[in-house]
Amino acid sequence: MGRIPPTPGGPWTGILLAASVLGSCLQPAPAQTQAPVSIVLTPPSPVVGRGVSLAPHNPPQDLVTCNWYRSATSDENSRILSYYPGPPPVQSNGSAHTGRETAGPGCALTIAGLTLSDTGNYTVRIESPTSPGLGSVYLRVYEMLPRPTVTPNQTQVPENGTFTLTCNTSPSADTVLWLLDGASLVPSERLVLSPDNRTLTVLNATRGDAGTYRCEVRNLVSTSRSEPSTVTVAYAPSPGAHSGLSAGAVAGIVIGSLAGVALVGVMAYFLYSHCRNETPTENGAPVPVYENLSSIARAGPVAQPGSPPDPGPTYETLQARQPDLYEELKK
């Protein structure tokens, strides 16, 4: 028994036509592509304890809602808040809201009382009939750097020895510099810095390494310098040195002393010679020099043979001494 073909214009034709129209109406509309959104930070280098604004650049005029997330993605678990511009504007807080975040016109997010823990990625998703968008930004919160310290604050090292200094500072310091007596130190074979520059090691210390060391730390918002750390290099005196004097200084002292002694001796000799050669004078005339004259020197009787000897010369008068030939020659 064969099948009876459907009659054109029968009930099956209407059913198929209705199903086709319904299927075309139920097809999902193509999803709108989300445009990238740039976010502007004000100020660009926010500081601990102050505030910051994260504002989408040129938000669409037909903004319906925007959502802020504390992450690099639009994960619901990291949602800070949702903002509906209204009127009236409405803010709906999410699980990542801390009580310091608020939204305002243009979907700008404001965070007050910043802490270092606020550093991280932030994402905004904008819902709009014509211009939906998605964008992320990294927020770095800076702190005003406290004064660092150098340990140890006093060091004594023998010559050719090794010493190490450490700069203790905040993790927020981006740059660490070392200074000796106010001049910046440059790494070398003897001056070794750790990868983060927070540790300085000096090898084979010399006398030139003695002095006051400081470390200086910097970031985008502040600079701070430590108190000095004193390094003393102990060394043995050079051979031949006495009381800290060099060999040249000692030789100079010895030569000067000998020259002084020789000069004094020459002066003493000339003074002595001058005194001996000088004849005493009085009012321009020579002063007579008197000598005792014994009775023997005077003319008188000659002693007879057998007479007892004269017990001693008897000096009776003073007579001017006659200059002898030696004195005449000295003149």
C-alpha atoms as a PDB file:
ATOM      1  CA  MET A   1       0.000   0.000   0.000  1.00  0.00           C
ATOM      2  CA  GLY A   2       1.817   3.252  -1.109  1.00  0.00           C
ATOM      3  CA  ARG A   3       2.152   6.668   0.685  1.00  0.00           C
ATOM      4  CA  ILE A   4      -0.098   9.496  -0.268  1.00  0.00           C
ATOM      5  CA  PRO A   5       2.040  12.571  -1.156  1.00  0.00           C
ATOM      6  CA  PRO A   6       1.138  15.785   0.664  1.00  0.00           C
ATOM      7  CA  THR A   7      -1.181  18.002  -1.125  1.00  0.00           C
ATOM      8  CA  PRO A   8       0.304  21.438  -2.040  1.00  0.00           C
ATOM      9  CA  GLY A   9      -1.174  24.088   0.190  1.00  0.00           C
ATOM     10  CA  GLY A  10      -1.999  21.505   2.878  1.00  0.00           C
ATOM     11  CA  PRO A  11      -1.417  21.920   6.656  1.00  0.00           C
ATOM     12  CA  TRP A  12       2.249  20.728   6.539  1.00  0.00           C
ATOM     13  CA  THR A  13       3.285  23.674   4.436  1.00  0.00           C
ATOM     14  CA  GLY A  14       2.097  26.180   7.040  1.00  0.00           C
ATOM     15  CA  ILE A  15       3.799  24.368   9.897  1.00  0.00           C
ATOM     16  CA  LEU A  16       7.183  24.322   8.143  1.00  0.00           C
ATOM     17  CA  LEU A  17       6.932  28.004   7.260  1.00  0.00           C
ATOM     18  CA  ALA A  18       6.134  28.970  10.860  1.00  0.00           C
ATOM     19  CA  ALA A  19       9.089  26.952  12.215  1.00  0.00           C
ATOM     20  CA  SER A  20      11.473  28.641   9.801  1.00  0.00           C
ATOM     21  CA  VAL A  21      10.388  32.127  10.833  1.00  0.00           C
ATOM     22  CA  LEU A  22      10.595  31.290  14.540  1.00  0.00           C
ATOM     23  CA  GLY A  23      14.104  29.845  14.161  1.00  0.00           C
ATOM     24  CA  SER A  24      15.366  32.973  12.481  1.00  0.00           C
ATOM     25  CA  CYS A  25      14.043  35.142  15.310  1.00  0.00           C
ATOM     26  CA  LEU A  26      15.653  33.021  18.046  1.00  0.00           C
ATOM     27  CA  GLN A  27      19.214  33.180  16.617  1.00  0.00           C
ATOM     28  CA  PRO A  28      21.533  35.137  19.006  1.00  0.00           C
ATOM     29  CA  ALA A  29      22.693  38.550  17.895  1.00  0.00           C
ATOM     30  CA  PRO A  30      26.459  38.823  17.205  1.00  0.00           C
ATOM     31  CA  ALA A  31      28.327  40.018  20.297  1.00  0.00           C
ATOM     32  CA  GLN A  32      29.757  43.569  20.234  1.00  0.00           C
ATOM     33  CA  THR A  33      33.558  43.825  20.326  1.00  0.00           C
ATOM     34  CA  GLN A  34      34.905  45.551  23.479  1.00  0.00           C
ATOM     35  CA  ALA A  35      37.183  48.445  22.606  1.00  0.00           C
ATOM     36  CA  PRO A  36      40.424  48.895  24.606  1.00  0.00           C
ATOM     37  CA  VAL A  37      40.143  51.558  27.288  1.00  0.00           C
ATOM     38  CA  SER A  38      43.127  53.615  28.523  1.00  0.00           C
ATOM     39  CA  ILE A  39      43.131  54.694  32.174  1.00  0.00           C
ATOM     40  CA  VAL A  40      44.693  57.929  33.438  1.00  0.00           C
ATOM     41  CA  LEU A  41      46.268  58.073  36.941  1.00  0.00           C
ATOM     42  CA  THR A  42      46.146  61.364  38.828  1.00  0.00           C
ATOM     43  CA  PRO A  43      48.725  61.923  40.263  1.00  0.00           C
ATOM     44  CA  PRO A  44      50.919  59.600  38.208  1.00  0.00           C
ATOM     45  CA  SER A  45      53.094  58.728  41.254  1.00  0.00           C
ATOM     46  CA  PRO A  46      50.692  58.468  44.208  1.00  0.00           C
ATOM     47  CA  VAL A  47      52.075  58.507  47.754  1.00  0.00           C
ATOM     48  CA  VAL A  48      51.135  56.553  50.874  1.00  0.00           C
ATOM     49  CA  GLY A  49      48.474  58.324  52.919  1.00  0.00           C
ATOM     50  CA  ARG A  50      47.174  60.401  50.019  1.00  0.00           C
ATOM     51  CA  GLY A  51      44.638  59.694  47.267  1.00  0.00           C
ATOM     52  CA  VAL A  52      44.565  58.755  43.599  1.00  0.00           C
ATOM     53  CA  SER A  53      42.042  58.871  40.751  1.00  0.00           C
ATOM     54  CA  LEU A  54      41.763  56.209  38.026  1.00  0.00           C
ATOM     55  CA  ALA A  55      39.704  57.644  35.155  1.00  0.00           C
ATOM     56  CA  PRO A  56      38.843  56.001  31.799  1.00  0.00           C
ATOM     57  CA  HIS A  57      39.995  58.162  28.888  1.00  0.00           C
ATOM     58  CA  ASN A  58      37.046  59.525  26.832  1.00  0.00           C
ATOM     59  CA  PRO A  59      34.230  57.335  28.228  1.00  0.00           C
ATOM     60  CA  PRO A  60      31.147  56.929  25.926  1.00  0.00           C
ATOM     61  CA  GLN A  61      28.247  59.344  26.317  1.00  0.00           C
ATOM     62  CA  ASP A  62      25.696  56.506  26.420  1.00  0.00           C
ATOM     63  CA  LEU A  63      27.412  54.804  29.368  1.00  0.00           C
ATOM     64  CA  VAL A  64      25.020  52.413  31.064  1.00  0.00           C
ATOM     65  CA  THR A  65      27.245  50.946  33.769  1.00  0.00           C
ATOM     66  CA  CYS A  66      30.894  50.343  34.609  1.00  0.00           C
ATOM     67  CA  ASN A  67      32.587  47.822  36.868  1.00  0.00           C
ATOM     68  CA  TRP A  68      35.964  48.175  38.627  1.00  0.00           C
ATOM     69  CA  TYR A  69      38.096  45.158  39.598  1.00  0.00           C
ATOM     70  CA  ARG A  70      41.229  44.839  41.732  1.00  0.00           C
ATOM     71  CA  SER A  71      42.978  42.485  39.296  1.00  0.00           C
ATOM     72  CA  ALA A  72      44.142  42.240  35.695  1.00  0.00           C
ATOM     73  CA  THR A  73      40.860  40.557  34.671  1.00  0.00           C
ATOM     74  CA  SER A  74      37.138  41.163  35.196  1.00  0.00           C
ATOM     75  CA  ASP A  75      36.764  38.389  37.750  1.00  0.00           C
ATOM     76  CA  GLU A  76      33.655  38.796  39.907  1.00  0.00           C
ATOM     77  CA  ASN A  77      35.596  37.804  43.047  1.00  0.00           C
ATOM     78  CA  SER A  78      37.853  40.846  42.581  1.00  0.00           C
ATOM     79  CA  ARG A  79      35.061  43.359  41.848  1.00  0.00           C
ATOM     80  CA  ILE A  80      35.436  46.579  43.812  1.00  0.00           C
ATOM     81  CA  LEU A  81      32.197  48.247  42.747  1.00  0.00           C
ATOM     82  CA  SER A  82      29.664  48.825  39.965  1.00  0.00           C
ATOM     83  CA  TYR A  83      28.623  52.328  39.005  1.00  0.00           C
ATOM     84  CA  TYR A  84      25.338  53.373  37.356  1.00  0.00           C
ATOM     85  CA  PRO A  85      25.389  57.007  36.217  1.00  0.00           C
ATOM     86  CA  GLY A  86      21.618  57.430  36.681  1.00  0.00           C
ATOM     87  CA  PRO A  87      20.100  59.789  37.377  1.00  0.00           C
ATOM     88  CA  PRO A  88      20.403  59.334  40.210  1.00  0.00           C
ATOM     89  CA  PRO A  89      23.918  57.762  40.226  1.00  0.00           C
ATOM     90  CA  VAL A  90      24.119  54.483  42.098  1.00  0.00           C
ATOM     91  CA  GLN A  91      27.193  52.639  43.457  1.00  0.00           C
ATOM     92  CA  SER A  92      27.029  48.935  44.247  1.00  0.00           C
ATOM     93  CA  ASN A  93      30.049  47.640  46.195  1.00  0.00           C
ATOM     94  CA  GLY A  94      31.655  44.252  45.534  1.00  0.00           C
ATOM     95  CA  SER A  95      33.702  41.834  47.641  1.00  0.00           C
ATOM     96  CA  ALA A  96      36.987  43.691  47.007  1.00  0.00           C
ATOM     97  CA  HIS A  97      35.668  47.017  48.337  1.00  0.00           C
ATOM     98  CA  THR A  98      37.665  48.313  51.365  1.00  0.00           C
ATOM     99  CA  GLY A  99      35.516  51.335  52.271  1.00  0.00           C
ATOM    100  CA  ARG A 100      38.007  53.785  50.691  1.00  0.00           C
ATOM    101  CA  GLU A 101      36.852  53.498  47.052  1.00  0.00           C
ATOM    102  CA  THR A 102      34.204  55.662  45.394  1.00  0.00           C
ATOM    103  CA  ALA A 103      33.063  56.140  41.763  1.00  0.00           C
ATOM    104  CA  GLY A 104      32.032  59.354  40.097  1.00  0.00           C
ATOM    105  CA  PRO A 105      31.184  60.987  36.770  1.00  0.00           C
ATOM    106  CA  GLY A 106      32.869  59.411  33.768  1.00  0.00           C
ATOM    107  CA  CYS A 107      33.246  56.167  35.784  1.00  0.00           C
ATOM    108  CA  ALA A 108      36.348  57.556  37.579  1.00  0.00           C
ATOM    109  CA  LEU A 109      37.476  55.474  40.561  1.00  0.00           C
ATOM    110  CA  THR A 110      38.906  57.365  43.561  1.00  0.00           C
ATOM    111  CA  ILE A 111      40.933  55.616  46.299  1.00  0.00           C
ATOM    112  CA  ALA A 112      41.604  57.563  49.508  1.00  0.00           C
ATOM    113  CA  GLY A 113      44.224  56.909  52.227  1.00  0.00           C
ATOM    114  CA  LEU A 114      46.542  54.880  50.040  1.00  0.00           C
ATOM    115  CA  THR A 115      48.672  52.105  51.509  1.00  0.00           C
ATOM    116  CA  LEU A 116      51.479  50.077  49.989  1.00  0.00           C
ATOM    117  CA  SER A 117      49.061  47.140  49.719  1.00  0.00           C
ATOM    118  CA  ASP A 118      46.992  49.129  47.201  1.00  0.00           C
ATOM    119  CA  THR A 119      49.772  48.577  44.675  1.00  0.00           C
ATOM    120  CA  GLY A 120      48.598  46.273  41.872  1.00  0.00           C
ATOM    121  CA  ASN A 121      46.496  45.906  38.718  1.00  0.00           C
ATOM    122  CA  TYR A 122      43.082  47.562  38.280  1.00  0.00           C
ATOM    123  CA  THR A 123      40.574  46.777  35.508  1.00  0.00           C
ATOM    124  CA  VAL A 124      37.441  48.607  34.302  1.00  0.00           C
ATOM    125  CA  ARG A 125      34.653  47.162  32.132  1.00  0.00           C
ATOM    126  CA  ILE A 126      32.327  49.669  30.487  1.00  0.00           C
ATOM    127  CA  GLU A 127      28.819  48.710  29.313  1.00  0.00           C
ATOM    128  CA  SER A 128      27.449  50.838  26.484  1.00  0.00           C
ATOM    129  CA  PRO A 129      25.026  50.167  23.593  1.00  0.00           C
ATOM    130  CA  THR A 130      27.500  51.649  21.121  1.00  0.00           C
ATOM    131  CA  SER A 131      30.992  51.610  22.708  1.00  0.00           C
ATOM    132  CA  PRO A 132      31.593  48.880  25.291  1.00  0.00           C
ATOM    133  CA  GLY A 133      35.168  48.764  26.519  1.00  0.00           C
ATOM    134  CA  LEU A 134      37.702  46.992  28.736  1.00  0.00           C
ATOM    135  CA  GLY A 135      41.008  48.301  30.104  1.00  0.00           C
ATOM    136  CA  SER A 136      43.623  47.698  32.814  1.00  0.00           C
ATOM    137  CA  VAL A 137      46.306  49.769  34.542  1.00  0.00           C
ATOM    138  CA  TYR A 138      49.072  49.071  37.078  1.00  0.00           C
ATOM    139  CA  LEU A 139      48.999  51.273  40.166  1.00  0.00           C
ATOM    140  CA  ARG A 140      52.285  51.771  42.052  1.00  0.00           C
ATOM    141  CA  VAL A 141      51.978  53.411  45.470  1.00  0.00           C
ATOM    142  CA  TYR A 142      55.171  55.115  46.692  1.00  0.00           C
ATOM    143  CA  GLU A 143      56.254  56.015  50.190  1.00  0.00           C
ATOM    144  CA  MET A 144      58.391  58.909  51.405  1.00  0.00           C
ATOM    145  CA  LEU A 145      61.593  57.042  52.171  1.00  0.00           C
ATOM    146  CA  PRO A 146      62.746  57.077  55.803  1.00  0.00           C
ATOM    147  CA  ARG A 147      66.426  57.670  56.584  1.00  0.00           C
ATOM    148  CA  PRO A 148      68.445  54.505  55.972  1.00  0.00           C
ATOM    149  CA  THR A 149      71.111  53.175  58.343  1.00  0.00           C
ATOM    150  CA  VAL A 150      74.527  51.664  57.640  1.00  0.00           C
ATOM    151  CA  THR A 151      75.742  48.741  59.736  1.00  0.00           C
ATOM    152  CA  PRO A 152      78.161  48.465  61.364  1.00  0.00           C
ATOM    153  CA  ASN A 153      78.469  52.160  62.207  1.00  0.00           C
ATOM    154  CA  GLN A 154      82.169  51.801  63.141  1.00  0.00           C
ATOM    155  CA  THR A 155      84.695  49.446  61.573  1.00  0.00           C
ATOM    156  CA  GLN A 156      88.428  48.901  62.109  1.00  0.00           C
ATOM    157  CA  VAL A 157      90.147  46.721  59.552  1.00  0.00           C
ATOM    158  CA  PRO A 158      93.840  45.872  59.065  1.00  0.00           C
ATOM    159  CA  GLU A 159      95.556  46.997  55.910  1.00  0.00           C
ATOM    160  CA  ASN A 160      94.910  44.491  53.066  1.00  0.00           C
ATOM    161  CA  GLY A 161      91.924  43.165  55.034  1.00  0.00           C
ATOM    162  CA  THR A 162      88.247  42.975  53.980  1.00  0.00           C
ATOM    163  CA  PHE A 163      85.173  44.728  55.398  1.00  0.00           C
ATOM    164  CA  THR A 164      81.461  44.757  54.510  1.00  0.00           C
ATOM    165  CA  LEU A 165      78.837  47.480  55.028  1.00  0.00           C
ATOM    166  CA  THR A 166      75.045  47.056  54.702  1.00  0.00           C
ATOM    167  CA  CYS A 167      72.482  49.737  53.832  1.00  0.00           C
ATOM    168  CA  ASN A 168      69.240  49.046  55.704  1.00  0.00           C
ATOM    169  CA  THR A 169      66.354  50.742  53.875  1.00  0.00           C
ATOM    170  CA  SER A 170      62.740  50.385  52.786  1.00  0.00           C
ATOM    171  CA  PRO A 171      61.830  47.952  49.977  1.00  0.00           C
ATOM    172  CA  SER A 172      60.314  50.995  48.231  1.00  0.00           C
ATOM    173  CA  ALA A 173      63.800  52.358  47.500  1.00  0.00           C
ATOM    174  CA  ASP A 174      64.435  52.005  43.773  1.00  0.00           C
ATOM    175  CA  THR A 175      68.054  53.238  43.813  1.00  0.00           C
ATOM    176  CA  VAL A 176      70.831  52.750  46.386  1.00  0.00           C
ATOM    177  CA  LEU A 177      74.124  54.669  46.111  1.00  0.00           C
ATOM    178  CA  TRP A 178      77.298  54.500  48.240  1.00  0.00           C
ATOM    179  CA  LEU A 179      79.477  57.496  49.136  1.00  0.00           C
ATOM    180  CA  LEU A 180      82.926  57.824  50.761  1.00  0.00           C
ATOM    181  CA  ASP A 181      83.584  61.239  52.316  1.00  0.00           C
ATOM    182  CA  GLY A 182      80.755  62.630  50.165  1.00  0.00           C
ATOM    183  CA  ALA A 183      82.019  61.264  46.821  1.00  0.00           C
ATOM    184  CA  SER A 184      80.119  58.527  44.954  1.00  0.00           C
ATOM    185  CA  LEU A 185      81.785  55.116  44.849  1.00  0.00           C
ATOM    186  CA  VAL A 186      82.122  53.222  41.583  1.00  0.00           C
ATOM    187  CA  PRO A 187      82.231  49.404  41.648  1.00  0.00           C
ATOM    188  CA  SER A 188      85.617  47.880  40.827  1.00  0.00           C
ATOM    189  CA  GLU A 189      87.582  44.694  41.437  1.00  0.00           C
ATOM    190  CA  ARG A 190      88.030  45.741  45.070  1.00  0.00           C
ATOM    191  CA  LEU A 191      84.679  47.490  45.610  1.00  0.00           C
ATOM    192  CA  VAL A 192      81.975  44.848  45.190  1.00  0.00           C
ATOM    193  CA  LEU A 193      78.215  45.599  45.342  1.00  0.00           C
ATOM    194  CA  SER A 194      75.383  43.124  45.824  1.00  0.00           C
ATOM    195  CA  PRO A 195      72.753  42.870  43.021  1.00  0.00           C
ATOM    196  CA  ASP A 196      70.438  45.295  44.865  1.00  0.00           C
ATOM    197  CA  ASN A 197      73.362  47.608  45.845  1.00  0.00           C
ATOM    198  CA  ARG A 198      72.420  47.288  49.503  1.00  0.00           C
ATOM    199  CA  THR A 199      75.706  45.594  50.507  1.00  0.00           C
ATOM    200  CA  LEU A 200      79.209  46.989  49.873  1.00  0.00           C
ATOM    201  CA  THR A 201      82.290  44.781  50.270  1.00  0.00           C
ATOM    202  CA  VAL A 202      85.815  46.259  50.126  1.00  0.00           C
ATOM    203  CA  LEU A 203      88.657  43.839  49.419  1.00  0.00           C
ATOM    204  CA  ASN A 204      92.376  44.391  50.162  1.00  0.00           C
ATOM    205  CA  ALA A 205      91.698  47.575  52.136  1.00  0.00           C
ATOM    206  CA  THR A 206      94.199  50.404  51.740  1.00  0.00           C
ATOM    207  CA  ARG A 207      94.726  53.629  53.671  1.00  0.00           C
ATOM    208  CA  GLY A 208      92.649  55.416  51.042  1.00  0.00           C
ATOM    209  CA  ASP A 209      89.624  53.302  52.011  1.00  0.00           C
ATOM    210  CA  ALA A 210      89.497  54.885  55.482  1.00  0.00           C
ATOM    211  CA  GLY A 211      86.852  57.564  56.043  1.00  0.00           C
ATOM    212  CA  THR A 212      83.106  58.050  56.478  1.00  0.00           C
ATOM    213  CA  TYR A 213      80.724  55.926  54.418  1.00  0.00           C
ATOM    214  CA  ARG A 214      77.067  56.748  53.700  1.00  0.00           C
ATOM    215  CA  CYS A 215      74.328  55.192  51.576  1.00  0.00           C
ATOM    216  CA  GLU A 216      71.743  57.262  49.689  1.00  0.00           C
ATOM    217  CA  VAL A 217      68.340  55.856  48.683  1.00  0.00           C
ATOM    218  CA  ARG A 218      65.908  57.230  46.104  1.00  0.00           C
ATOM    219  CA  ASN A 219      62.520  56.670  44.492  1.00  0.00           C
ATOM    220  CA  LEU A 220      60.295  58.842  42.310  1.00  0.00           C
ATOM    221  CA  VAL A 221      59.002  60.920  45.225  1.00  0.00           C
ATOM    222  CA  SER A 222      61.876  61.189  47.736  1.00  0.00           C
ATOM    223  CA  THR A 223      65.622  60.947  48.481  1.00  0.00           C
ATOM    224  CA  SER A 224      67.248  60.166  51.829  1.00  0.00           C
ATOM    225  CA  ARG A 225      70.845  59.750  53.074  1.00  0.00           C
ATOM    226  CA  SER A 226      72.133  57.773  56.060  1.00  0.00           C
ATOM    227  CA  GLU A 227      74.247  58.897  58.991  1.00  0.00           C
ATOM    228  CA  PRO A 228      78.001  58.284  58.516  1.00  0.00           C
ATOM    229  CA  SER A 229      79.684  54.973  59.239  1.00  0.00           C
ATOM    230  CA  THR A 230      83.377  55.374  60.133  1.00  0.00           C
ATOM    231  CA  VAL A 231      85.994  52.973  58.779  1.00  0.00           C
ATOM    232  CA  THR A 232      89.570  52.980  60.164  1.00  0.00           C
ATOM    233  CA  VAL A 233      92.393  51.128  58.419  1.00  0.00           C
ATOM    234  CA  ALA A 234      95.157  49.992  60.802  1.00  0.00           C
ATOM    235  CA  TYR A 235      98.602  49.708  59.239  1.00  0.00           C
ATOM    236  CA  ALA A 236     102.213  49.116  60.417  1.00  0.00           C
ATOM    237  CA  PRO A 237     104.586  52.114  60.268  1.00  0.00           C
ATOM    238  CA  SER A 238     107.075  52.215  57.414  1.00  0.00           C
ATOM    239  CA  PRO A 239     110.631  50.972  58.161  1.00  0.00           C
ATOM    240  CA  GLY A 240     112.813  53.771  59.595  1.00  0.00           C
ATOM    241  CA  ALA A 241     109.854  55.918  60.533  1.00  0.00           C
ATOM    242  CA  HIS A 242     109.768  57.319  64.077  1.00  0.00           C
ATOM    243  CA  SER A 243     106.802  58.893  65.781  1.00  0.00           C
ATOM    244  CA  GLY A 244     104.935  58.958  62.534  1.00  0.00           C
ATOM    245  CA  LEU A 245     107.714  60.832  60.667  1.00  0.00           C
ATOM    246  CA  SER A 246     108.838  59.718  57.255  1.00  0.00           C
ATOM    247  CA  ALA A 247     112.442  58.750  56.518  1.00  0.00           C
ATOM    248  CA  GLY A 248     112.946  62.025  54.647  1.00  0.00           C
ATOM    249  CA  ALA A 249     111.758  64.044  57.627  1.00  0.00           C
ATOM    250  CA  VAL A 250     114.104  62.185  59.986  1.00  0.00           C
ATOM    251  CA  ALA A 251     117.079  62.742  57.640  1.00  0.00           C
ATOM    252  CA  GLY A 252     116.248  66.435  57.412  1.00  0.00           C
ATOM    253  CA  ILE A 253     116.173  66.750  61.200  1.00  0.00           C
ATOM    254  CA  VAL A 254     119.572  65.028  61.565  1.00  0.00           C
ATOM    255  CA  ILE A 255     121.216  67.157  58.872  1.00  0.00           C
ATOM    256  CA  GLY A 256     119.753  70.331  60.357  1.00  0.00           C
ATOM    257  CA  SER A 257     121.023  69.416  63.822  1.00  0.00           C
ATOM    258  CA  LEU A 258     124.568  68.747  62.542  1.00  0.00           C
ATOM    259  CA  ALA A 259     124.580  72.002  60.600  1.00  0.00           C
ATOM    260  CA  GLY A 260     123.471  73.872  63.713  1.00  0.00           C
ATOM    261  CA  VAL A 261     126.242  72.340  65.830  1.00  0.00           C
ATOM    262  CA  ALA A 262     128.846  73.199  63.190  1.00  0.00           C
ATOM    263  CA  LEU A 263     127.609  76.786  62.985  1.00  0.00           C
ATOM    264  CA  VAL A 264     127.802  77.211  66.758  1.00  0.00           C
ATOM    265  CA  GLY A 265     131.350  75.823  66.782  1.00  0.00           C
ATOM    266  CA  VAL A 266     132.493  78.232  64.041  1.00  0.00           C
ATOM    267  CA  MET A 267     130.963  81.195  65.836  1.00  0.00           C
ATOM    268  CA  ALA A 268     132.612  80.193  69.130  1.00  0.00           C
ATOM    269  CA  TYR A 269     136.036  79.908  67.431  1.00  0.00           C
ATOM    270  CA  PHE A 270     135.798  83.364  65.832  1.00  0.00           C
ATOM    271  CA  LEU A 271     134.689  84.940  69.102  1.00  0.00           C
ATOM    272  CA  TYR A 272     137.588  83.343  70.949  1.00  0.00           C
ATOM    273  CA  SER A 273     140.097  84.453  68.326  1.00  0.00           C
ATOM    274  CA  HIS A 274     138.719  87.973  68.356  1.00  0.00           C
ATOM    275  CA  CYS A 275     138.992  88.246  72.146  1.00  0.00           C
ATOM    276  CA  ARG A 276     142.608  87.108  72.152  1.00  0.00           C
ATOM    277  CA  ASN A 277     143.674  89.497  69.398  1.00  0.00           C
ATOM    278  CA  GLU A 278     142.012  92.535  70.874  1.00  0.00           C
ATOM    279  CA  THR A 279     144.230  94.845  72.994  1.00  0.00           C
ATOM    280  CA  PRO A 280     142.500  96.576  75.899  1.00  0.00           C
ATOM    281  CA  THR A 281     142.179 100.328  75.330  1.00  0.00           C
ATOM    282  CA  GLU A 282     140.972 103.221  77.337  1.00  0.00           C
ATOM    283  CA  ASN A 283     139.891 106.452  75.652  1.00  0.00           C
ATOM    284  CA  GLY A 284     141.559 105.271  72.457  1.00  0.00           C
ATOM    285  CA  ALA A 285     144.964 104.678  74.120  1.00  0.00           C
ATOM    286  CA  PRO A 286     146.372 101.288  75.123  1.00  0.00           C
ATOM    287  CA  VAL A 287     145.866 100.404  78.744  1.00  0.00           C
ATOM    288  CA  PRO A 288     149.247  99.702  80.383  1.00  0.00           C
ATOM    289  CA  VAL A 289     149.748  96.237  81.795  1.00  0.00           C
ATOM    290  CA  TYR A 290     151.750  96.069  84.990  1.00  0.00           C
ATOM    291  CA  GLU A 291     153.861  93.227  86.316  1.00  0.00           C
ATOM    292  CA  ASN A 292     155.706  92.571  89.570  1.00  0.00           C
ATOM    293  CA  LEU A 293     159.405  93.332  89.565  1.00  0.00           C
ATOM    294  CA  SER A 294     161.539  91.397  92.016  1.00  0.00           C
ATOM    295  CA  SER A 295     164.518  92.769  93.769  1.00  0.00           C
ATOM    296  CA  ILE A 296     166.740  90.502  91.709  1.00  0.00           C
ATOM    297  CA  ALA A 297     165.607  92.175  88.549  1.00  0.00           C
ATOM    298  CA  ARG A 298     166.769  95.517  89.925  1.00  0.00           C
ATOM    299  CA  ALA A 299     170.409  96.521  89.858  1.00  0.00           C
ATOM    300  CA  GLY A 300     172.016  95.691  93.161  1.00  0.00           C
ATOM    301  CA  PRO A 301     174.842  93.838  94.901  1.00  0.00           C
ATOM    302  CA  VAL A 302     175.627  90.359  93.705  1.00  0.00           C
ATOM    303  CA  ALA A 303     175.374  87.559  96.232  1.00  0.00           C
ATOM    304  CA  GLN A 304     178.740  86.436  97.628  1.00  0.00           C
ATOM    305  CA  PRO A 305     179.850  82.791  97.504  1.00  0.00           C
ATOM    306  CA  GLY A 306     178.846  80.835 100.588  1.00  0.00           C
ATOM    307  CA  SER A 307     176.129  83.212 101.556  1.00  0.00           C
ATOM    308  CA  PRO A 308     172.711  81.621 102.248  1.00  0.00           C
ATOM    309  CA  PRO A 309     170.278  81.655  99.303  1.00  0.00           C
ATOM    310  CA  ASP A 310     167.567  84.231  99.132  1.00  0.00           C
ATOM    311  CA  PRO A 311     164.440  82.569 100.501  1.00  0.00           C
ATOM    312  CA  GLY A 312     162.312  84.034  97.728  1.00  0.00           C
ATOM    313  CA  PRO A 313     161.975  87.002  95.513  1.00  0.00           C
ATOM    314  CA  THR A 314     160.746  90.106  97.136  1.00  0.00           C
ATOM    315  CA  TYR A 315     158.475  92.166  94.901  1.00  0.00           C
ATOM    316  CA  GLU A 316     158.886  95.813  95.654  1.00  0.00           C
ATOM    317  CA  THR A 317     157.399  97.732  92.714  1.00  0.00           C
ATOM    318  CA  LEU A 318     155.018  97.322  89.765  1.00  0.00           C
ATOM    319  CA  GLN A 319     156.489  98.069  86.388  1.00  0.00           C
ATOM    320  CA  ALA A 320     154.735  98.275  83.051  1.00  0.00           C
ATOM    321  CA  ARG A 321     155.298  95.104  81.057  1.00  0.00           C
ATOM    322  CA  GLN A 322     157.106  95.599  77.819  1.00  0.00           C
ATOM    323  CA  PRO A 323     155.359  94.053  74.795  1.00  0.00           C
ATOM    324  CA  ASP A 324     157.288  91.192  73.398  1.00  0.00           C
ATOM    325  CA  LEU A 325     157.846  90.266  69.809  1.00  0.00           C
ATOM    326  CA  TYR A 326     154.893  87.798  69.732  1.00  0.00           C
ATOM    327  CA  GLU A 327     152.492  90.518  70.683  1.00  0.00           C
ATOM    328  CA  GLU A 328     153.925  92.820  68.061  1.00  0.00           C
ATOM    329  CA  LEU A 329     153.360  90.166  65.410  1.00  0.00           C
ATOM    330  CA  LYS A 330     149.773  89.599  66.502  1.00  0.00           C
ATOM    331  CA  LYS A 331     149.093  93.262  65.874  1.00  0.00           C
END
